[in-house]
PDB file of N, CA and C in Angstrom:
ATOM      1  N   UNK A   1     -23.178  29.160  16.521  1.00  0.00           N
ATOM      2  CA  UNK A   1     -22.704  30.246  17.362  1.00  0.00           C
ATOM      3  C   UNK A   1     -21.218  30.449  17.088  1.00  0.00           C
ATOM      4  N   UNK A   2     -20.869  31.569  16.522  1.00  0.00           N
ATOM      5  CA  UNK A   2     -19.470  31.886  16.263  1.00  0.00           C
ATOM      6  C   UNK A   2     -18.909  32.777  17.356  1.00  0.00           C
ATOM      7  N   UNK A   3     -17.617  32.900  17.361  1.00  0.00           N
ATOM      8  CA  UNK A   3     -16.958  33.764  18.331  1.00  0.00           C
ATOM      9  C   UNK A   3     -17.022  35.216  17.872  1.00  0.00           C
ATOM     10  N   UNK A   4     -17.224  36.133  18.821  1.00  0.00           N
ATOM     11  CA  UNK A   4     -17.144  37.540  18.448  1.00  0.00           C
ATOM     12  C   UNK A   4     -15.672  37.953  18.419  1.00  0.00           C
ATOM     13  N   UNK A   5     -15.412  39.171  18.011  1.00  0.00           N
ATOM     14  CA  UNK A   5     -14.030  39.631  17.835  1.00  0.00           C
ATOM     15  C   UNK A   5     -13.236  39.567  19.140  1.00  0.00           C
ATOM     16  N   UNK A   6     -13.845  39.980  20.252  1.00  0.00           N
ATOM     17  CA  UNK A   6     -13.153  39.945  21.548  1.00  0.00           C
ATOM     18  C   UNK A   6     -12.806  38.517  21.953  1.00  0.00           C
ATOM     19  N   UNK A   7     -13.740  37.597  21.752  1.00  0.00           N
ATOM     20  CA  UNK A   7     -13.493  36.189  22.094  1.00  0.00           C
ATOM     21  C   UNK A   7     -12.363  35.620  21.245  1.00  0.00           C
ATOM     22  N   UNK A   8     -12.389  35.937  19.956  1.00  0.00           N
ATOM     23  CA  UNK A   8     -11.328  35.453  19.061  1.00  0.00           C
ATOM     24  C   UNK A   8      -9.966  35.988  19.477  1.00  0.00           C
ATOM     25  N   UNK A   9      -9.905  37.278  19.780  1.00  0.00           N
ATOM     26  CA  UNK A   9      -8.628  37.898  20.128  1.00  0.00           C
ATOM     27  C   UNK A   9      -8.059  37.311  21.417  1.00  0.00           C
ATOM     28  N   UNK A  10      -8.903  37.132  22.436  1.00  0.00           N
ATOM     29  CA  UNK A  10      -8.425  36.571  23.701  1.00  0.00           C
ATOM     30  C   UNK A  10      -8.002  35.121  23.516  1.00  0.00           C
ATOM     31  N   UNK A  11      -8.807  34.340  22.825  1.00  0.00           N
ATOM     32  CA  UNK A  11      -8.475  32.929  22.600  1.00  0.00           C
ATOM     33  C   UNK A  11      -7.188  32.790  21.793  1.00  0.00           C
ATOM     34  N   UNK A  12      -7.054  33.575  20.743  1.00  0.00           N
ATOM     35  CA  UNK A  12      -5.851  33.528  19.905  1.00  0.00           C
ATOM     36  C   UNK A  12      -4.617  33.904  20.723  1.00  0.00           C
ATOM     37  N   UNK A  13      -4.739  34.945  21.531  1.00  0.00           N
ATOM     38  CA  UNK A  13      -3.607  35.379  22.350  1.00  0.00           C
ATOM     39  C   UNK A  13      -3.209  34.282  23.336  1.00  0.00           C
ATOM     40  N   UNK A  14      -4.197  33.676  23.984  1.00  0.00           N
ATOM     41  CA  UNK A  14      -3.900  32.601  24.939  1.00  0.00           C
ATOM     42  C   UNK A  14      -3.178  31.446  24.260  1.00  0.00           C
ATOM     43  N   UNK A  15      -3.641  31.055  23.104  1.00  0.00           N
ATOM     44  CA  UNK A  15      -3.021  29.928  22.397  1.00  0.00           C
ATOM     45  C   UNK A  15      -1.613  30.278  21.934  1.00  0.00           C
ATOM     46  N   UNK A  16      -1.451  31.445  21.340  1.00  0.00           N
ATOM     47  CA  UNK A  16      -0.147  31.815  20.787  1.00  0.00           C
ATOM     48  C   UNK A  16       0.887  32.117  21.864  1.00  0.00           C
ATOM     49  N   UNK A  17       0.486  32.790  22.927  1.00  0.00           N
ATOM     50  CA  UNK A  17       1.454  33.201  23.942  1.00  0.00           C
ATOM     51  C   UNK A  17       1.662  32.168  25.039  1.00  0.00           C
ATOM     52  N   UNK A  18       0.636  31.412  25.341  1.00  0.00           N
ATOM     53  CA  UNK A  18       0.706  30.496  26.475  1.00  0.00           C
ATOM     54  C   UNK A  18       0.717  29.041  26.030  1.00  0.00           C
ATOM     55  N   UNK A  19      -0.048  28.724  25.011  1.00  0.00           N
ATOM     56  CA  UNK A  19      -0.269  27.344  24.595  1.00  0.00           C
ATOM     57  C   UNK A  19       0.976  26.530  24.348  1.00  0.00           C
ATOM     58  N   UNK A  20       1.990  27.115  23.787  1.00  0.00           N
ATOM     59  CA  UNK A  20       3.200  26.374  23.440  1.00  0.00           C
ATOM     60  C   UNK A  20       4.177  26.280  24.605  1.00  0.00           C
ATOM     61  N   UNK A  21       4.035  27.114  25.616  1.00  0.00           N
ATOM     62  CA  UNK A  21       4.932  27.077  26.761  1.00  0.00           C
ATOM     63  C   UNK A  21       6.292  27.700  26.508  1.00  0.00           C
ATOM     64  N   UNK A  22       6.466  28.328  25.351  1.00  0.00           N
ATOM     65  CA  UNK A  22       7.766  28.904  25.004  1.00  0.00           C
ATOM     66  C   UNK A  22       8.153  30.065  25.908  1.00  0.00           C
ATOM     67  N   UNK A  23       7.168  30.836  26.352  1.00  0.00           N
ATOM     68  CA  UNK A  23       7.469  31.997  27.175  1.00  0.00           C
ATOM     69  C   UNK A  23       8.100  31.574  28.495  1.00  0.00           C
ATOM     70  N   UNK A  24       7.538  30.570  29.151  1.00  0.00           N
ATOM     71  CA  UNK A  24       8.084  30.095  30.424  1.00  0.00           C
ATOM     72  C   UNK A  24       9.459  29.481  30.199  1.00  0.00           C
ATOM     73  N   UNK A  25       9.592  28.719  29.150  1.00  0.00           N
ATOM     74  CA  UNK A  25      10.882  28.098  28.828  1.00  0.00           C
ATOM     75  C   UNK A  25      11.944  29.165  28.572  1.00  0.00           C
ATOM     76  N   UNK A  26      11.592  30.184  27.820  1.00  0.00           N
ATOM     77  CA  UNK A  26      12.526  31.268  27.522  1.00  0.00           C
ATOM     78  C   UNK A  26      12.911  32.019  28.795  1.00  0.00           C
ATOM     79  N   UNK A  27      11.935  32.281  29.655  1.00  0.00           N
ATOM     80  CA  UNK A  27      12.213  32.973  30.916  1.00  0.00           C
ATOM     81  C   UNK A  27      13.179  32.163  31.777  1.00  0.00           C
ATOM     82  N   UNK A  28      12.994  30.850  31.799  1.00  0.00           N
ATOM     83  CA  UNK A  28      13.872  29.989  32.598  1.00  0.00           C
ATOM     84  C   UNK A  28      15.278  29.916  32.003  1.00  0.00           C
ATOM     85  N   UNK A  29      15.372  29.713  30.707  1.00  0.00           N
ATOM     86  CA  UNK A  29      16.680  29.588  30.051  1.00  0.00           C
ATOM     87  C   UNK A  29      17.513  30.858  30.177  1.00  0.00           C
ATOM     88  N   UNK A  30      16.842  31.995  30.104  1.00  0.00           N
ATOM     89  CA  UNK A  30      17.538  33.281  30.104  1.00  0.00           C
ATOM     90  C   UNK A  30      17.559  33.960  31.476  1.00  0.00           C
ATOM     91  N   UNK A  31      17.113  33.232  32.505  1.00  0.00           N
ATOM     92  CA  UNK A  31      17.050  33.811  33.851  1.00  0.00           C
ATOM     93  C   UNK A  31      16.349  35.167  33.812  1.00  0.00           C
ATOM     94  N   UNK A  32      15.185  35.179  33.176  1.00  0.00           N
ATOM     95  CA  UNK A  32      14.441  36.424  32.945  1.00  0.00           C
ATOM     96  C   UNK A  32      12.990  36.290  33.403  1.00  0.00           C
ATOM     97  N   UNK A  33      12.750  36.237  34.719  1.00  0.00           N
ATOM     98  CA  UNK A  33      11.372  36.087  35.193  1.00  0.00           C
ATOM     99  C   UNK A  33      10.471  37.256  34.807  1.00  0.00           C
ATOM    100  N   UNK A  34      11.078  38.395  34.463  1.00  0.00           N
ATOM    101  CA  UNK A  34      10.261  39.542  34.057  1.00  0.00           C
ATOM    102  C   UNK A  34       9.432  39.233  32.809  1.00  0.00           C
ATOM    103  N   UNK A  35       9.867  38.265  32.006  1.00  0.00           N
ATOM    104  CA  UNK A  35       9.078  37.883  30.828  1.00  0.00           C
ATOM    105  C   UNK A  35       7.728  37.308  31.242  1.00  0.00           C
ATOM    106  N   UNK A  36       7.727  36.559  32.326  1.00  0.00           N
ATOM    107  CA  UNK A  36       6.466  36.008  32.839  1.00  0.00           C
ATOM    108  C   UNK A  36       5.598  37.147  33.359  1.00  0.00           C
ATOM    109  N   UNK A  37       6.209  38.079  34.093  1.00  0.00           N
ATOM    110  CA  UNK A  37       5.467  39.235  34.615  1.00  0.00           C
ATOM    111  C   UNK A  37       4.839  40.042  33.484  1.00  0.00           C
ATOM    112  N   UNK A  38       5.609  40.312  32.450  1.00  0.00           N
ATOM    113  CA  UNK A  38       5.096  41.081  31.313  1.00  0.00           C
ATOM    114  C   UNK A  38       3.937  40.361  30.635  1.00  0.00           C
ATOM    115  N   UNK A  39       4.078  39.057  30.476  1.00  0.00           N
ATOM    116  CA  UNK A  39       3.029  38.277  29.827  1.00  0.00           C
ATOM    117  C   UNK A  39       1.756  38.278  30.660  1.00  0.00           C
ATOM    118  N   UNK A  40       1.885  38.105  31.970  1.00  0.00           N
ATOM    119  CA  UNK A  40       0.715  38.114  32.844  1.00  0.00           C
ATOM    120  C   UNK A  40       0.050  39.487  32.855  1.00  0.00           C
ATOM    121  N   UNK A  41       0.848  40.530  32.831  1.00  0.00           N
ATOM    122  CA  UNK A  41       0.300  41.886  32.787  1.00  0.00           C
ATOM    123  C   UNK A  41      -0.471  42.109  31.485  1.00  0.00           C
ATOM    124  N   UNK A  42       0.111  41.692  30.378  1.00  0.00           N
ATOM    125  CA  UNK A  42      -0.562  41.841  29.084  1.00  0.00           C
ATOM    126  C   UNK A  42      -1.853  41.023  29.045  1.00  0.00           C
ATOM    127  N   UNK A  43      -1.812  39.808  29.570  1.00  0.00           N
ATOM    128  CA  UNK A  43      -3.023  38.984  29.630  1.00  0.00           C
ATOM    129  C   UNK A  43      -4.089  39.677  30.469  1.00  0.00           C
ATOM    130  N   UNK A  44      -3.695  40.236  31.603  1.00  0.00           N
ATOM    131  CA  UNK A  44      -4.652  40.928  32.472  1.00  0.00           C
ATOM    132  C   UNK A  44      -5.301  42.102  31.750  1.00  0.00           C
ATOM    133  N   UNK A  45      -4.507  42.855  30.998  1.00  0.00           N
ATOM    134  CA  UNK A  45      -5.058  43.973  30.238  1.00  0.00           C
ATOM    135  C   UNK A  45      -6.032  43.491  29.165  1.00  0.00           C
ATOM    136  N   UNK A  46      -5.659  42.456  28.450  1.00  0.00           N
ATOM    137  CA  UNK A  46      -6.528  41.930  27.395  1.00  0.00           C
ATOM    138  C   UNK A  46      -7.824  41.362  27.984  1.00  0.00           C
ATOM    139  N   UNK A  47      -7.704  40.637  29.080  1.00  0.00           N
ATOM    140  CA  UNK A  47      -8.895  40.077  29.702  1.00  0.00           C
ATOM    141  C   UNK A  47      -9.798  41.192  30.222  1.00  0.00           C
ATOM    142  N   UNK A  48      -9.222  42.218  30.806  1.00  0.00           N
ATOM    143  CA  UNK A  48     -10.013  43.331  31.308  1.00  0.00           C
ATOM    144  C   UNK A  48     -10.830  43.969  30.187  1.00  0.00           C
ATOM    145  N   UNK A  49     -10.218  44.152  29.020  1.00  0.00           N
ATOM    146  CA  UNK A  49     -10.947  44.693  27.874  1.00  0.00           C
ATOM    147  C   UNK A  49     -12.077  43.776  27.438  1.00  0.00           C
ATOM    148  N   UNK A  50     -11.788  42.481  27.378  1.00  0.00           N
ATOM    149  CA  UNK A  50     -12.809  41.493  27.019  1.00  0.00           C
ATOM    150  C   UNK A  50     -13.974  41.555  28.006  1.00  0.00           C
ATOM    151  N   UNK A  51     -13.654  41.541  29.296  1.00  0.00           N
ATOM    152  CA  UNK A  51     -14.675  41.504  30.343  1.00  0.00           C
ATOM    153  C   UNK A  51     -15.482  42.802  30.368  1.00  0.00           C
ATOM    154  N   UNK A  52     -14.844  43.911  30.069  1.00  0.00           N
ATOM    155  CA  UNK A  52     -15.519  45.202  30.053  1.00  0.00           C
ATOM    156  C   UNK A  52     -16.556  45.279  28.930  1.00  0.00           C
ATOM    157  N   UNK A  53     -16.261  44.667  27.802  1.00  0.00           N
ATOM    158  CA  UNK A  53     -17.131  44.774  26.624  1.00  0.00           C
ATOM    159  C   UNK A  53     -18.115  43.614  26.457  1.00  0.00           C
ATOM    160  N   UNK A  54     -17.979  42.558  27.252  1.00  0.00           N
ATOM    161  CA  UNK A  54     -18.794  41.364  27.039  1.00  0.00           C
ATOM    162  C   UNK A  54     -19.412  40.863  28.336  1.00  0.00           C
ATOM    163  N   UNK A  55     -20.724  40.761  28.324  1.00  0.00           N
ATOM    164  CA  UNK A  55     -21.423  40.164  29.456  1.00  0.00           C
ATOM    165  C   UNK A  55     -21.083  38.674  29.470  1.00  0.00           C
ATOM    166  N   UNK A  56     -20.888  38.118  30.657  1.00  0.00           N
ATOM    167  CA  UNK A  56     -20.515  36.708  30.774  1.00  0.00           C
ATOM    168  C   UNK A  56     -21.709  35.863  31.216  1.00  0.00           C
ATOM    169  N   UNK A  57     -22.422  36.316  32.215  1.00  0.00           N
ATOM    170  CA  UNK A  57     -23.548  35.568  32.783  1.00  0.00           C
ATOM    171  C   UNK A  57     -24.853  36.014  32.121  1.00  0.00           C
ATOM    172  N   UNK A  58     -25.716  35.034  31.830  1.00  0.00           N
ATOM    173  CA  UNK A  58     -27.045  35.341  31.308  1.00  0.00           C
ATOM    174  C   UNK A  58     -27.105  35.624  29.819  1.00  0.00           C
ATOM    175  N   UNK A  59     -26.111  35.150  29.082  1.00  0.00           N
ATOM    176  CA  UNK A  59     -26.116  35.321  27.629  1.00  0.00           C
ATOM    177  C   UNK A  59     -26.010  33.950  26.969  1.00  0.00           C
ATOM    178  N   UNK A  60     -26.321  33.909  25.689  1.00  0.00           N
ATOM    179  CA  UNK A  60     -26.274  32.648  24.945  1.00  0.00           C
ATOM    180  C   UNK A  60     -24.885  32.005  25.009  1.00  0.00           C
ATOM    181  N   UNK A  61     -23.859  32.828  25.028  1.00  0.00           N
ATOM    182  CA  UNK A  61     -22.470  32.351  25.018  1.00  0.00           C
ATOM    183  C   UNK A  61     -21.915  32.126  26.423  1.00  0.00           C
ATOM    184  N   UNK A  62     -22.789  31.994  27.415  1.00  0.00           N
ATOM    185  CA  UNK A  62     -22.352  31.923  28.814  1.00  0.00           C
ATOM    186  C   UNK A  62     -21.322  30.822  29.067  1.00  0.00           C
ATOM    187  N   UNK A  63     -21.560  29.624  28.583  1.00  0.00           N
ATOM    188  CA  UNK A  63     -20.627  28.517  28.841  1.00  0.00           C
ATOM    189  C   UNK A  63     -19.252  28.802  28.254  1.00  0.00           C
ATOM    190  N   UNK A  64     -19.221  29.292  27.031  1.00  0.00           N
ATOM    191  CA  UNK A  64     -17.955  29.625  26.381  1.00  0.00           C
ATOM    192  C   UNK A  64     -17.223  30.709  27.160  1.00  0.00           C
ATOM    193  N   UNK A  65     -17.941  31.740  27.534  1.00  0.00           N
ATOM    194  CA  UNK A  65     -17.300  32.860  28.230  1.00  0.00           C
ATOM    195  C   UNK A  65     -16.851  32.470  29.632  1.00  0.00           C
ATOM    196  N   UNK A  66     -17.620  31.636  30.308  1.00  0.00           N
ATOM    197  CA  UNK A  66     -17.173  31.144  31.615  1.00  0.00           C
ATOM    198  C   UNK A  66     -15.908  30.307  31.470  1.00  0.00           C
ATOM    199  N   UNK A  67     -15.822  29.547  30.400  1.00  0.00           N
ATOM    200  CA  UNK A  67     -14.610  28.771  30.136  1.00  0.00           C
ATOM    201  C   UNK A  67     -13.424  29.704  29.895  1.00  0.00           C
ATOM    202  N   UNK A  68     -13.643  30.775  29.150  1.00  0.00           N
ATOM    203  CA  UNK A  68     -12.564  31.736  28.901  1.00  0.00           C
ATOM    204  C   UNK A  68     -12.122  32.409  30.202  1.00  0.00           C
ATOM    205  N   UNK A  69     -13.078  32.724  31.067  1.00  0.00           N
ATOM    206  CA  UNK A  69     -12.745  33.299  32.376  1.00  0.00           C
ATOM    207  C   UNK A  69     -11.921  32.303  33.187  1.00  0.00           C
ATOM    208  N   UNK A  70     -12.351  31.045  33.204  1.00  0.00           N
ATOM    209  CA  UNK A  70     -11.647  30.017  33.975  1.00  0.00           C
ATOM    210  C   UNK A  70     -10.233  29.779  33.446  1.00  0.00           C
ATOM    211  N   UNK A  71     -10.090  29.699  32.134  1.00  0.00           N
ATOM    212  CA  UNK A  71      -8.764  29.470  31.536  1.00  0.00           C
ATOM    213  C   UNK A  71      -7.845  30.648  31.838  1.00  0.00           C
ATOM    214  N   UNK A  72      -8.361  31.856  31.691  1.00  0.00           N
ATOM    215  CA  UNK A  72      -7.551  33.041  31.981  1.00  0.00           C
ATOM    216  C   UNK A  72      -7.114  33.039  33.441  1.00  0.00           C
ATOM    217  N   UNK A  73      -8.035  32.727  34.334  1.00  0.00           N
ATOM    218  CA  UNK A  73      -7.694  32.662  35.757  1.00  0.00           C
ATOM    219  C   UNK A  73      -6.650  31.607  36.052  1.00  0.00           C
ATOM    220  N   UNK A  74      -6.775  30.467  35.408  1.00  0.00           N
ATOM    221  CA  UNK A  74      -5.811  29.385  35.607  1.00  0.00           C
ATOM    222  C   UNK A  74      -4.424  29.784  35.111  1.00  0.00           C
ATOM    223  N   UNK A  75      -4.366  30.440  33.968  1.00  0.00           N
ATOM    224  CA  UNK A  75      -3.075  30.888  33.420  1.00  0.00           C
ATOM    225  C   UNK A  75      -2.429  31.903  34.362  1.00  0.00           C
ATOM    226  N   UNK A  76      -3.214  32.859  34.847  1.00  0.00           N
ATOM    227  CA  UNK A  76      -2.665  33.862  35.762  1.00  0.00           C
ATOM    228  C   UNK A  76      -2.192  33.201  37.053  1.00  0.00           C
ATOM    229  N   UNK A  77      -3.009  32.327  37.604  1.00  0.00           N
ATOM    230  CA  UNK A  77      -2.640  31.640  38.845  1.00  0.00           C
ATOM    231  C   UNK A  77      -1.374  30.807  38.648  1.00  0.00           C
ATOM    232  N   UNK A  78      -1.280  30.103  37.538  1.00  0.00           N
ATOM    233  CA  UNK A  78      -0.095  29.282  37.256  1.00  0.00           C
ATOM    234  C   UNK A  78       1.150  30.148  37.097  1.00  0.00           C
ATOM    235  N   UNK A  79       1.006  31.254  36.384  1.00  0.00           N
ATOM    236  CA  UNK A  79       2.140  32.161  36.199  1.00  0.00           C
ATOM    237  C   UNK A  79       2.622  32.734  37.518  1.00  0.00           C
ATOM    238  N   UNK A  80       1.691  33.123  38.374  1.00  0.00           N
ATOM    239  CA  UNK A  80       2.072  33.649  39.684  1.00  0.00           C
ATOM    240  C   UNK A  80       2.744  32.579  40.537  1.00  0.00           C
ATOM    241  N   UNK A  81       2.262  31.350  40.431  1.00  0.00           N
ATOM    242  CA  UNK A  81       2.879  30.253  41.182  1.00  0.00           C
ATOM    243  C   UNK A  81       4.327  30.036  40.732  1.00  0.00           C
ATOM    244  N   UNK A  82       4.562  30.089  39.430  1.00  0.00           N
ATOM    245  CA  UNK A  82       5.924  29.954  38.906  1.00  0.00           C
ATOM    246  C   UNK A  82       6.826  31.036  39.486  1.00  0.00           C
ATOM    247  N   UNK A  83       6.271  32.231  39.667  1.00  0.00           N
ATOM    248  CA  UNK A  83       7.036  33.353  40.214  1.00  0.00           C
ATOM    249  C   UNK A  83       7.159  33.291  41.737  1.00  0.00           C
ATOM    250  N   UNK A  84       6.488  32.315  42.351  1.00  0.00           N
ATOM    251  CA  UNK A  84       6.549  32.183  43.806  1.00  0.00           C
ATOM    252  C   UNK A  84       5.584  33.098  44.537  1.00  0.00           C
ATOM    253  N   UNK A  85       4.551  33.551  43.851  1.00  0.00           N
ATOM    254  CA  UNK A  85       3.562  34.449  44.441  1.00  0.00           C
ATOM    255  C   UNK A  85       2.308  33.652  44.763  1.00  0.00           C
ATOM    256  N   UNK A  86       1.916  33.674  46.031  1.00  0.00           N
ATOM    257  CA  UNK A  86       0.711  32.952  46.442  1.00  0.00           C
ATOM    258  C   UNK A  86      -0.529  33.738  46.036  1.00  0.00           C
ATOM    259  N   UNK A  87      -1.580  33.007  45.711  1.00  0.00           N
ATOM    260  CA  UNK A  87      -2.852  33.637  45.359  1.00  0.00           C
ATOM    261  C   UNK A  87      -3.891  33.279  46.408  1.00  0.00           C
ATOM    262  N   UNK A  88      -4.968  34.047  46.443  1.00  0.00           N
ATOM    263  CA  UNK A  88      -6.078  33.777  47.352  1.00  0.00           C
ATOM    264  C   UNK A  88      -7.289  33.376  46.522  1.00  0.00           C
ATOM    265  N   UNK A  89      -8.163  32.584  47.099  1.00  0.00           N
ATOM    266  CA  UNK A  89      -9.376  32.167  46.392  1.00  0.00           C
ATOM    267  C   UNK A  89     -10.440  33.259  46.422  1.00  0.00           C
ATOM    268  N   UNK A  90     -10.546  33.963  47.553  1.00  0.00           N
ATOM    269  CA  UNK A  90     -11.545  35.022  47.699  1.00  0.00           C
ATOM    270  C   UNK A  90     -10.908  36.206  48.403  1.00  0.00           C
ATOM    271  N   UNK A  91     -11.473  37.367  48.119  1.00  0.00           N
ATOM    272  CA  UNK A  91     -11.008  38.579  48.811  1.00  0.00           C
ATOM    273  C   UNK A  91     -12.139  39.121  49.643  1.00  0.00           C
TER     274      UNK A  91
END
């Protein structure tokens, strides 16, 4: 089972933009919290495209896609926490 193009793009973006932690470090060093906001916004847009084009539940790739959903959610939640924004578990 290989990754489709959407899965590859989201995974690559997460690793390159978030994996190294450089974005948060740069935002802190330069007193530029807007960098975190921009990154979270871009992640949200990319995830929305992925989610729009790919079924998550009831497919062969369900475990992988649920993991991608969970990782994306964790990154967004962590970024918001750094910014001092509280999140809710359910709406």
